[in-house]
Amino acid sequence: MFDFGFWEIAIIGVITLIVVGPERLPALARKAGLFVGKLNRFLSKVKKDINEELKTDELKDHLSMDDEKSIISDITNEAKSSVDLFNQNDAQQDDSKL
């Protein structure tokens, strides 16, 4: 995201030391560290939530595919049983004619 090198960070540190002063610099650094930690935790939580949503959507898609497959299987089985029943009835009619 941002490309900060050593010299950029050193210049920011020197300017901060001049503006804030050496007495308050450790407290300011601690507060900045806590803020960065909170920001990292927030971003990791957002990433985790997004990944969970994506997994949920993938599972829903997979389940809907399974439902479609089971419906197709049921229709195929029903059609096969209808054809078998028709063939049995046709065979019975042929036997009765003899």
C-alpha atoms as a PDB file:
ATOM      1  CA  MET A   1       0.000   0.000   0.000  1.00  0.00           C
ATOM      2  CA  PHE A   2       2.442   2.663   1.168  1.00  0.00           C
ATOM      3  CA  ASP A   3       6.110   2.256   0.460  1.00  0.00           C
ATOM      4  CA  PHE A   4       7.963   3.831   3.378  1.00  0.00           C
ATOM      5  CA  GLY A   5      11.693   3.328   3.450  1.00  0.00           C
ATOM      6  CA  PHE A   6      14.108   3.786   6.313  1.00  0.00           C
ATOM      7  CA  TRP A   7      14.916   7.407   5.471  1.00  0.00           C
ATOM      8  CA  GLU A   8      11.270   8.459   5.247  1.00  0.00           C
ATOM      9  CA  ILE A   9      10.547   6.971   8.659  1.00  0.00           C
ATOM     10  CA  ALA A  10      13.700   8.568  10.104  1.00  0.00           C
ATOM     11  CA  ILE A  11      12.678  12.019   8.808  1.00  0.00           C
ATOM     12  CA  ILE A  12       9.181  11.602  10.281  1.00  0.00           C
ATOM     13  CA  GLY A  13      10.740  10.552  13.597  1.00  0.00           C
ATOM     14  CA  VAL A  14      13.071  13.578  13.703  1.00  0.00           C
ATOM     15  CA  ILE A  15      10.244  15.987  12.859  1.00  0.00           C
ATOM     16  CA  THR A  16       8.045  14.360  15.520  1.00  0.00           C
ATOM     17  CA  LEU A  17      10.869  14.649  18.066  1.00  0.00           C
ATOM     18  CA  ILE A  18      11.256  18.352  17.285  1.00  0.00           C
ATOM     19  CA  VAL A  19       7.512  19.110  17.374  1.00  0.00           C
ATOM     20  CA  VAL A  20       6.471  16.958  20.351  1.00  0.00           C
ATOM     21  CA  GLY A  21       9.663  17.005  22.378  1.00  0.00           C
ATOM     22  CA  PRO A  22      11.596  14.220  24.043  1.00  0.00           C
ATOM     23  CA  GLU A  23       9.405  14.221  27.182  1.00  0.00           C
ATOM     24  CA  ARG A  24       6.133  13.336  25.455  1.00  0.00           C
ATOM     25  CA  LEU A  25       7.551  11.255  22.578  1.00  0.00           C
ATOM     26  CA  PRO A  26       7.425   7.854  24.403  1.00  0.00           C
ATOM     27  CA  ALA A  27       3.782   8.378  25.376  1.00  0.00           C
ATOM     28  CA  LEU A  28       2.924   9.435  21.834  1.00  0.00           C
ATOM     29  CA  ALA A  29       4.738   6.398  20.409  1.00  0.00           C
ATOM     30  CA  ARG A  30       2.803   4.136  22.788  1.00  0.00           C
ATOM     31  CA  LYS A  31      -0.518   5.674  21.735  1.00  0.00           C
ATOM     32  CA  ALA A  32       0.433   5.331  18.070  1.00  0.00           C
ATOM     33  CA  GLY A  33       1.329   1.667  18.654  1.00  0.00           C
ATOM     34  CA  LEU A  34      -2.000   1.014  20.372  1.00  0.00           C
ATOM     35  CA  PHE A  35      -3.828   2.693  17.501  1.00  0.00           C
ATOM     36  CA  VAL A  36      -1.971   0.599  14.920  1.00  0.00           C
ATOM     37  CA  GLY A  37      -2.777  -2.546  16.927  1.00  0.00           C
ATOM     38  CA  LYS A  38      -6.473  -1.680  17.030  1.00  0.00           C
ATOM     39  CA  LEU A  39      -6.412  -0.955  13.306  1.00  0.00           C
ATOM     40  CA  ASN A  40      -4.774  -4.322  12.585  1.00  0.00           C
ATOM     41  CA  ARG A  41      -7.335  -6.178  14.719  1.00  0.00           C
ATOM     42  CA  PHE A  42     -10.183  -4.353  12.991  1.00  0.00           C
ATOM     43  CA  LEU A  43      -8.826  -5.158   9.526  1.00  0.00           C
ATOM     44  CA  SER A  44      -8.259  -8.812  10.401  1.00  0.00           C
ATOM     45  CA  LYS A  45     -11.833  -9.056  11.725  1.00  0.00           C
ATOM     46  CA  VAL A  46     -13.189  -7.522   8.517  1.00  0.00           C
ATOM     47  CA  LYS A  47     -11.141  -9.962   6.418  1.00  0.00           C
ATOM     48  CA  LYS A  48     -12.382 -12.867   8.543  1.00  0.00           C
ATOM     49  CA  ASP A  49     -16.013 -11.758   8.146  1.00  0.00           C
ATOM     50  CA  ILE A  50     -15.624 -11.405   4.379  1.00  0.00           C
ATOM     51  CA  ASN A  51     -14.043 -14.851   4.099  1.00  0.00           C
ATOM     52  CA  GLU A  52     -16.867 -16.374   6.168  1.00  0.00           C
ATOM     53  CA  GLU A  53     -19.454 -14.741   3.902  1.00  0.00           C
ATOM     54  CA  LEU A  54     -17.685 -16.086   0.819  1.00  0.00           C
ATOM     55  CA  LYS A  55     -17.587 -19.578   2.301  1.00  0.00           C
ATOM     56  CA  THR A  56     -21.283 -19.311   3.179  1.00  0.00           C
ATOM     57  CA  ASP A  57     -22.124 -18.300  -0.390  1.00  0.00           C
ATOM     58  CA  GLU A  58     -20.052 -21.190  -1.764  1.00  0.00           C
ATOM     59  CA  LEU A  59     -21.879 -23.632   0.539  1.00  0.00           C
ATOM     60  CA  LYS A  60     -25.252 -22.251  -0.536  1.00  0.00           C
ATOM     61  CA  ASP A  61     -24.298 -22.672  -4.199  1.00  0.00           C
ATOM     62  CA  HIS A  62     -23.071 -26.194  -3.541  1.00  0.00           C
ATOM     63  CA  LEU A  63     -26.260 -27.111  -1.674  1.00  0.00           C
ATOM     64  CA  SER A  64     -28.447 -25.701  -4.427  1.00  0.00           C
ATOM     65  CA  MET A  65     -26.511 -27.830  -6.946  1.00  0.00           C
ATOM     66  CA  ASP A  66     -27.093 -30.889  -4.762  1.00  0.00           C
ATOM     67  CA  ASP A  67     -30.804 -30.046  -4.577  1.00  0.00           C
ATOM     68  CA  GLU A  68     -30.983 -29.733  -8.356  1.00  0.00           C
ATOM     69  CA  LYS A  69     -29.182 -33.056  -8.768  1.00  0.00           C
ATOM     70  CA  SER A  70     -31.573 -34.787  -6.372  1.00  0.00           C
ATOM     71  CA  ILE A  71     -34.591 -33.306  -8.193  1.00  0.00           C
ATOM     72  CA  ILE A  72     -33.224 -34.499 -11.539  1.00  0.00           C
ATOM     73  CA  SER A  73     -32.536 -37.919 -10.028  1.00  0.00           C
ATOM     74  CA  ASP A  74     -36.089 -38.120  -8.673  1.00  0.00           C
ATOM     75  CA  ILE A  75     -37.561 -37.159 -12.048  1.00  0.00           C
ATOM     76  CA  THR A  76     -35.360 -39.725 -13.811  1.00  0.00           C
ATOM     77  CA  ASN A  77     -36.401 -42.468 -11.386  1.00  0.00           C
ATOM     78  CA  GLU A  78     -40.048 -41.555 -11.805  1.00  0.00           C
ATOM     79  CA  ALA A  79     -39.726 -41.640 -15.588  1.00  0.00           C
ATOM     80  CA  LYS A  80     -38.003 -45.049 -15.439  1.00  0.00           C
ATOM     81  CA  SER A  81     -40.714 -46.472 -13.212  1.00  0.00           C
ATOM     82  CA  SER A  82     -43.400 -45.108 -15.573  1.00  0.00           C
ATOM     83  CA  VAL A  83     -41.671 -46.724 -18.567  1.00  0.00           C
ATOM     84  CA  ASP A  84     -41.356 -50.027 -16.677  1.00  0.00           C
ATOM     85  CA  LEU A  85     -45.032 -49.889 -15.721  1.00  0.00           C
ATOM     86  CA  PHE A  86     -45.975 -49.174 -19.338  1.00  0.00           C
ATOM     87  CA  ASN A  87     -43.847 -52.079 -20.545  1.00  0.00           C
ATOM     88  CA  GLN A  88     -45.460 -54.419 -17.978  1.00  0.00           C
ATOM     89  CA  ASN A  89     -48.949 -53.336 -19.035  1.00  0.00           C
ATOM     90  CA  ASP A  90     -48.016 -53.785 -22.696  1.00  0.00           C
ATOM     91  CA  ALA A  91     -46.632 -57.243 -21.994  1.00  0.00           C
ATOM     92  CA  GLN A  92     -49.801 -58.223 -20.121  1.00  0.00           C
ATOM     93  CA  GLN A  93     -51.969 -57.082 -23.008  1.00  0.00           C
ATOM     94  CA  ASP A  94     -49.845 -59.119 -25.447  1.00  0.00           C
ATOM     95  CA  ASP A  95     -50.213 -62.209 -23.204  1.00  0.00           C
ATOM     96  CA  SER A  96     -53.989 -61.763 -22.947  1.00  0.00           C
ATOM     97  CA  LYS A  97     -54.323 -61.634 -26.763  1.00  0.00           C
ATOM     98  CA  LEU A  98     -52.658 -65.008 -27.144  1.00  0.00           C
END
